[in-house]
Amino acid sequence: MATKTRKSNVRRNAQPPRPRQKVQQISVMDRALRALPFSEEDIQRATTWLIIAALTVLAFAAAQWAGITTAAYLQYSEIAARAGFQVQRVEVTGMERVDQLKVYDLVLAEKDRAMPLVDIDKVRADLLQYGWIEDARVSRRLPDTLAVEIVERKPAAVWQRDGKYSLIDARGNVLENVQPGDAGTLPILNGADANQHAIALNALLDKASALKAQISGASWIGNRRWDLKFKSGETLALPEGESAAAEALLNFARMDGIHRLLGRDIIHFDLRDPERAYFRKVPKAEPVTTETSGPDSTNSGTQA
């Protein structure tokens, strides 16, 4: 009996089995969010602001489509003009060789216009269409002045092709057409599309600075190489390719420094062959014979 009583007490004291707990599954998205250095409140706040920004953009686009902002801007411009914010004066500086009439015709078109309606970017873009103008700065000087600052290009050479002459800058931009006698001391570039290779030519001549000041012009031959013309009358034929032409020019500069080739009796130097150089001298002038009159050819005078 005691054994049965003890077994019954053990059964009473034994705790019932606990139910198994389910393991909570974490999604990949939750793991990625937990890995970020932000709290859930920060992420929710950022999401809210993104939604507000998107709604604002949509509302602005809808207003633009409906013409609401344009009408409001025009009304604002009219109010500004009545308050004195209207173009009454135009100041243009920096003009020396540019056609001033063209510039003023363009800029004065903005006169009597409300300041908010002046399209500064368009005015600048229109000014840059002229060859002489390298850069233009347009600004509003409140309440009533439109200021324009012109930066002109500098002529660096004269481009000659098919009997036509044009001033160009160091980059080959055409500035204006000129007469043959208006070149002055500027070097002359001959050949079709020679102006498009002006930058490469300047870089080439910079490699032989001792010769650059003595060059009066250059001819772009066959759209592939240069012939250089010196002020003393000689012509130097260079090979094709930038590196080959630079090497030939440097070799010629060394030879001229040693032997004084320029200013002598040589009129043509041909360095197109990398193995040898060809020189052509000035042709010798044929001797000129003069006829002498004999004693019988003299007229005798009569004595009175």
Protein backbone atom coordinates (compact mmCIF):
# COMPACT_ATOMS: atom_id res chain seq x y z
CA MET A 1 0.00 0.00 0.00
CA ALA A 2 2.83 2.31 0.77
CA THR A 3 4.33 1.75 -2.64
CA LYS A 4 1.09 2.62 -4.41
CA THR A 5 0.67 5.74 -2.29
CA ARG A 6 4.22 6.86 -3.15
CA LYS A 7 3.61 6.34 -6.89
CA SER A 8 0.41 8.33 -6.74
CA ASN A 9 2.17 11.21 -5.01
CA VAL A 10 4.89 11.21 -7.69
CA ARG A 11 2.28 11.38 -10.44
CA ARG A 12 0.55 14.25 -8.68
CA ASN A 13 3.79 16.22 -8.27
CA ALA A 14 4.93 15.66 -11.91
CA GLN A 15 4.42 18.75 -14.09
CA PRO A 16 2.51 18.40 -17.32
CA PRO A 17 4.64 18.58 -20.54
CA ARG A 18 5.12 22.09 -21.93
CA PRO A 19 3.80 22.83 -25.43
CA ARG A 20 6.47 23.26 -28.14
CA GLN A 21 7.15 26.89 -29.09
CA LYS A 22 7.09 27.80 -32.74
CA VAL A 23 10.37 29.27 -34.12
CA GLN A 24 9.69 32.70 -35.61
CA GLN A 25 10.92 32.95 -39.22
CA ILE A 26 12.72 36.21 -40.18
CA SER A 27 12.41 37.28 -43.81
CA VAL A 28 15.34 38.40 -45.92
CA MET A 29 13.91 41.94 -46.05
CA ASP A 30 13.74 42.13 -42.25
CA ARG A 31 17.31 40.94 -41.96
CA ALA A 32 18.43 43.62 -44.45
CA LEU A 33 16.55 46.33 -42.57
CA ARG A 34 18.02 45.21 -39.24
CA ALA A 35 21.51 45.34 -40.76
CA LEU A 36 21.11 49.02 -41.63
CA PRO A 37 22.45 51.58 -39.12
CA PHE A 38 18.98 53.11 -38.78
CA SER A 39 16.12 52.46 -36.47
CA GLU A 40 12.65 51.54 -37.65
CA GLU A 41 11.47 55.04 -36.72
CA ASP A 42 14.12 56.61 -38.96
CA ILE A 43 13.13 54.39 -41.88
CA GLN A 44 9.45 55.20 -41.43
CA ARG A 45 10.24 58.93 -41.23
CA ALA A 46 12.32 58.79 -44.45
CA THR A 47 9.59 56.86 -46.22
CA THR A 48 7.04 59.48 -45.20
CA TRP A 49 9.20 62.31 -46.56
CA LEU A 50 9.74 60.46 -49.84
CA ILE A 51 6.00 60.10 -50.26
CA ILE A 52 5.46 63.79 -49.51
CA ALA A 53 8.17 64.79 -52.01
CA ALA A 54 6.67 62.59 -54.70
CA LEU A 55 3.23 64.09 -54.14
CA THR A 56 4.72 67.61 -54.30
CA VAL A 57 6.40 66.87 -57.64
CA LEU A 58 3.19 65.45 -59.02
CA ALA A 59 1.25 68.49 -57.85
CA PHE A 60 3.79 70.87 -59.40
CA ALA A 61 3.72 68.97 -62.69
CA ALA A 62 -0.07 69.10 -62.71
CA ALA A 63 0.02 72.84 -62.07
CA GLN A 64 2.51 73.34 -64.89
CA TRP A 65 0.32 71.35 -67.23
CA ALA A 66 -2.68 73.42 -66.24
CA GLY A 67 -0.76 76.70 -66.76
CA ILE A 68 -1.24 77.86 -63.21
CA THR A 69 2.45 78.59 -62.49
CA THR A 70 2.94 80.37 -65.81
CA ALA A 71 0.04 82.71 -65.17
CA ALA A 72 1.30 83.41 -61.65
CA TYR A 73 4.82 84.12 -63.00
CA LEU A 74 3.51 86.53 -65.61
CA GLN A 75 1.47 88.35 -62.99
CA TYR A 76 4.55 88.55 -60.77
CA SER A 77 6.59 89.99 -63.68
CA GLU A 78 3.96 92.63 -64.36
CA ILE A 79 3.99 93.67 -60.72
CA ALA A 80 7.80 93.85 -60.79
CA ALA A 81 7.73 96.04 -63.91
CA ARG A 82 5.26 98.44 -62.27
CA ALA A 83 7.55 98.63 -59.27
CA GLY A 84 10.44 99.81 -61.50
CA PHE A 85 12.17 96.46 -62.10
CA GLN A 86 12.25 96.89 -65.85
CA VAL A 87 15.13 97.06 -68.35
CA GLN A 88 15.77 100.73 -68.99
CA ARG A 89 19.54 100.70 -69.50
CA VAL A 90 21.91 98.29 -71.27
CA GLU A 91 25.63 98.37 -70.51
CA VAL A 92 28.01 96.43 -72.78
CA THR A 93 31.74 96.26 -72.04
CA GLY A 94 34.72 94.47 -73.59
CA MET A 95 33.97 95.22 -77.25
CA GLU A 96 36.90 96.23 -79.46
CA ARG A 97 36.72 94.38 -82.77
CA VAL A 98 33.29 92.75 -82.54
CA ASP A 99 30.48 94.28 -84.59
CA GLN A 100 28.87 96.54 -82.01
CA LEU A 101 25.69 97.05 -84.03
CA LYS A 102 24.93 93.33 -83.99
CA VAL A 103 25.49 93.13 -80.25
CA TYR A 104 23.31 96.13 -79.45
CA ASP A 105 20.55 94.96 -81.79
CA LEU A 106 20.42 91.72 -79.86
CA VAL A 107 20.71 93.11 -76.34
CA LEU A 108 18.44 96.12 -76.89
CA ALA A 109 15.65 93.74 -77.80
CA GLU A 110 15.32 93.20 -74.04
CA LYS A 111 14.77 96.91 -73.38
CA ASP A 112 11.49 97.87 -71.67
CA ARG A 113 11.01 94.25 -70.65
CA ALA A 114 10.31 93.29 -67.05
CA MET A 115 13.46 92.02 -65.35
CA PRO A 116 12.01 88.61 -64.44
CA LEU A 117 11.12 88.01 -68.11
CA VAL A 118 14.68 88.54 -69.40
CA ASP A 119 16.07 85.15 -70.43
CA ILE A 120 19.73 85.63 -69.56
CA ASP A 121 20.80 82.20 -70.84
CA LYS A 122 19.20 82.84 -74.24
CA VAL A 123 20.84 86.26 -74.56
CA ARG A 124 24.22 84.72 -73.80
CA ALA A 125 23.67 81.84 -76.24
CA ASP A 126 22.73 84.29 -79.01
CA LEU A 127 25.85 86.37 -78.36
CA LEU A 128 28.08 83.31 -78.61
CA GLN A 129 26.91 82.79 -82.20
CA TYR A 130 29.22 85.60 -83.34
CA GLY A 131 32.74 84.51 -84.25
CA TRP A 132 34.56 87.26 -82.37
CA ILE A 133 32.85 86.50 -79.04
CA GLU A 134 34.58 83.80 -77.02
CA ASP A 135 32.49 84.26 -73.89
CA ALA A 136 29.72 86.55 -72.65
CA ARG A 137 28.49 87.25 -69.14
CA VAL A 138 24.95 88.61 -68.84
CA SER A 139 23.54 89.76 -65.52
CA ARG A 140 20.71 91.82 -64.08
CA ARG A 141 21.74 94.92 -62.19
CA LEU A 142 18.64 95.84 -60.28
CA PRO A 143 16.49 97.72 -60.58
CA ASP A 144 16.72 98.65 -64.28
CA THR A 145 20.09 97.73 -65.86
CA LEU A 146 21.09 94.76 -67.99
CA ALA A 147 24.90 94.33 -67.90
CA VAL A 148 26.76 92.45 -70.64
CA GLU A 149 30.48 91.71 -70.48
CA ILE A 150 32.07 90.53 -73.74
CA VAL A 151 35.27 88.46 -73.94
CA GLU A 152 36.67 88.63 -77.48
CA ARG A 153 38.82 86.09 -79.27
CA LYS A 154 42.30 87.13 -80.39
CA PRO A 155 43.31 86.75 -84.05
CA ALA A 156 46.26 84.36 -84.41
CA ALA A 157 46.50 83.69 -88.15
CA VAL A 158 44.87 84.17 -91.55
CA TRP A 159 43.27 81.18 -93.23
CA GLN A 160 43.52 81.18 -97.03
CA ARG A 161 41.56 78.81 -99.28
CA ASP A 162 40.19 79.18 -102.80
CA GLY A 163 41.18 82.84 -102.91
CA LYS A 164 39.29 83.62 -99.69
CA TYR A 165 40.95 85.04 -96.56
CA SER A 166 39.61 84.83 -93.01
CA LEU A 167 40.95 85.80 -89.61
CA ILE A 168 41.09 82.84 -87.20
CA ASP A 169 42.07 82.47 -83.56
CA ALA A 170 44.53 79.98 -82.09
CA ARG A 171 41.84 77.27 -82.09
CA GLY A 172 40.94 77.80 -85.73
CA ASN A 173 37.61 79.58 -85.11
CA VAL A 174 36.74 81.89 -88.01
CA LEU A 175 36.42 85.48 -86.80
CA GLU A 176 35.69 87.41 -89.98
CA ASN A 177 36.60 87.57 -93.65
CA VAL A 178 39.38 89.98 -94.63
CA GLN A 179 41.16 91.25 -97.73
CA PRO A 180 44.56 89.79 -98.64
CA GLY A 181 46.36 92.97 -97.62
CA ASP A 182 44.77 93.01 -94.16
CA ALA A 183 46.79 90.07 -92.83
CA GLY A 184 49.56 92.27 -91.46
CA THR A 185 52.26 90.21 -89.75
CA LEU A 186 49.97 87.29 -88.91
CA PRO A 187 51.00 83.88 -90.28
CA ILE A 188 48.98 82.55 -93.21
CA LEU A 189 47.54 79.02 -93.21
CA ASN A 190 46.84 77.63 -96.68
CA GLY A 191 44.64 74.73 -97.65
CA ALA A 192 41.16 73.34 -97.16
CA ASP A 193 40.37 72.60 -93.51
CA ALA A 194 43.74 74.02 -92.45
CA ASN A 195 42.00 75.98 -89.69
CA GLN A 196 40.77 72.74 -88.12
CA HIS A 197 44.39 71.70 -87.56
CA ALA A 198 45.54 75.02 -86.09
CA ILE A 199 45.74 73.63 -82.55
CA ALA A 200 47.92 70.72 -83.69
CA LEU A 201 50.12 73.11 -85.67
CA ASN A 202 50.66 75.36 -82.64
CA ALA A 203 51.55 72.34 -80.52
CA LEU A 204 54.01 71.23 -83.19
CA LEU A 205 55.70 74.65 -83.42
CA ASP A 206 55.94 74.90 -79.64
CA LYS A 207 58.31 71.93 -79.73
CA ALA A 208 60.81 74.08 -81.67
CA SER A 209 60.32 77.49 -80.11
CA ALA A 210 63.55 78.81 -81.66
CA LEU A 211 62.03 78.42 -85.14
CA LYS A 212 58.46 79.46 -84.33
CA ALA A 213 59.18 83.19 -84.51
CA GLN A 214 60.76 82.75 -87.96
CA ILE A 215 57.74 81.06 -89.56
CA SER A 216 55.50 83.20 -91.75
CA GLY A 217 52.94 80.57 -92.71
CA ALA A 218 52.09 76.93 -93.28
CA SER A 219 50.30 74.88 -95.94
CA TRP A 220 48.16 71.85 -95.12
CA ILE A 221 49.12 69.41 -97.91
CA GLY A 222 46.81 66.59 -98.98
CA ASN A 223 44.92 66.77 -95.68
CA ARG A 224 47.77 64.84 -94.05
CA ARG A 225 50.95 66.92 -93.49
CA TRP A 226 52.45 70.44 -93.26
CA ASP A 227 54.80 72.55 -95.35
CA LEU A 228 56.28 75.39 -93.27
CA LYS A 229 57.18 78.72 -94.82
CA PHE A 230 59.94 80.84 -93.26
CA LYS A 231 60.18 84.62 -93.32
CA SER A 232 63.52 84.32 -95.12
CA GLY A 233 61.78 82.55 -98.02
CA GLU A 234 62.59 78.86 -97.43
CA THR A 235 60.05 76.00 -97.32
CA LEU A 236 60.32 73.00 -95.01
CA ALA A 237 58.39 69.86 -95.98
CA LEU A 238 57.47 67.76 -92.94
CA PRO A 239 56.35 64.10 -92.93
CA GLU A 240 52.92 62.76 -92.01
CA GLY A 241 51.97 62.06 -88.40
CA GLU A 242 52.39 64.21 -85.32
CA SER A 243 55.34 62.31 -83.84
CA ALA A 244 57.21 62.05 -87.16
CA ALA A 245 56.64 65.74 -87.93
CA ALA A 246 57.81 66.77 -84.46
CA GLU A 247 60.97 64.66 -84.75
CA ALA A 248 61.76 66.08 -88.20
CA LEU A 249 61.22 69.66 -87.00
CA LEU A 250 63.50 69.16 -83.99
CA ASN A 251 66.20 67.66 -86.23
CA PHE A 252 65.95 70.65 -88.55
CA ALA A 253 66.21 73.04 -85.59
CA ARG A 254 69.41 71.26 -84.48
CA MET A 255 70.89 71.41 -87.99
CA ASP A 256 70.01 75.07 -88.33
CA GLY A 257 71.59 75.79 -84.98
CA ILE A 258 74.85 74.16 -86.10
CA HIS A 259 75.05 75.00 -89.81
CA ARG A 260 72.84 78.10 -90.13
CA LEU A 261 70.69 76.71 -92.93
CA LEU A 262 68.20 79.58 -93.04
CA GLY A 263 69.06 82.76 -94.89
CA ARG A 264 71.55 81.13 -97.25
CA ASP A 265 71.27 79.79 -100.82
CA ILE A 266 68.82 76.94 -100.02
CA ILE A 267 65.14 77.47 -100.76
CA HIS A 268 63.60 74.04 -100.03
CA PHE A 269 64.21 71.50 -97.28
CA ASP A 270 62.51 68.11 -97.63
CA LEU A 271 62.50 65.97 -94.47
CA ARG A 272 59.70 63.59 -95.42
CA ASP A 273 62.16 60.68 -95.65
CA PRO A 274 63.27 59.72 -92.13
CA GLU A 275 66.54 58.31 -93.46
CA ARG A 276 67.81 61.34 -95.36
CA ALA A 277 67.17 64.99 -96.05
CA TYR A 278 66.92 66.69 -99.43
CA PHE A 279 67.91 70.31 -100.01
CA ARG A 280 67.27 72.43 -103.08
CA LYS A 281 69.39 75.46 -103.72
CA VAL A 282 68.47 78.70 -105.39
CA PRO A 283 68.98 78.29 -109.14
CA LYS A 284 71.99 80.20 -110.39
CA ALA A 285 71.16 83.19 -112.47
CA GLU A 286 72.51 83.13 -116.04
CA PRO A 287 75.03 85.87 -116.81
CA VAL A 288 73.52 88.84 -118.57
CA THR A 289 75.39 90.05 -121.65
CA THR A 290 75.36 93.73 -122.45
CA GLU A 291 75.88 95.12 -125.96
CA THR A 292 78.49 97.85 -126.40
CA SER A 293 78.27 100.46 -129.14
CA GLY A 294 81.18 100.83 -131.55
CA PRO A 295 82.75 104.08 -132.76
CA ASP A 296 80.82 103.84 -136.02
CA SER A 297 77.53 103.82 -134.23
CA THR A 298 78.05 107.23 -132.68
CA ASN A 299 76.35 110.13 -134.31
CA SER A 300 78.69 112.82 -135.52
CA GLY A 301 77.69 116.35 -135.05
CA THR A 302 77.90 119.05 -137.62
CA GLN A 303 79.75 122.21 -136.93
CA ALA A 304 78.27 125.41 -138.00
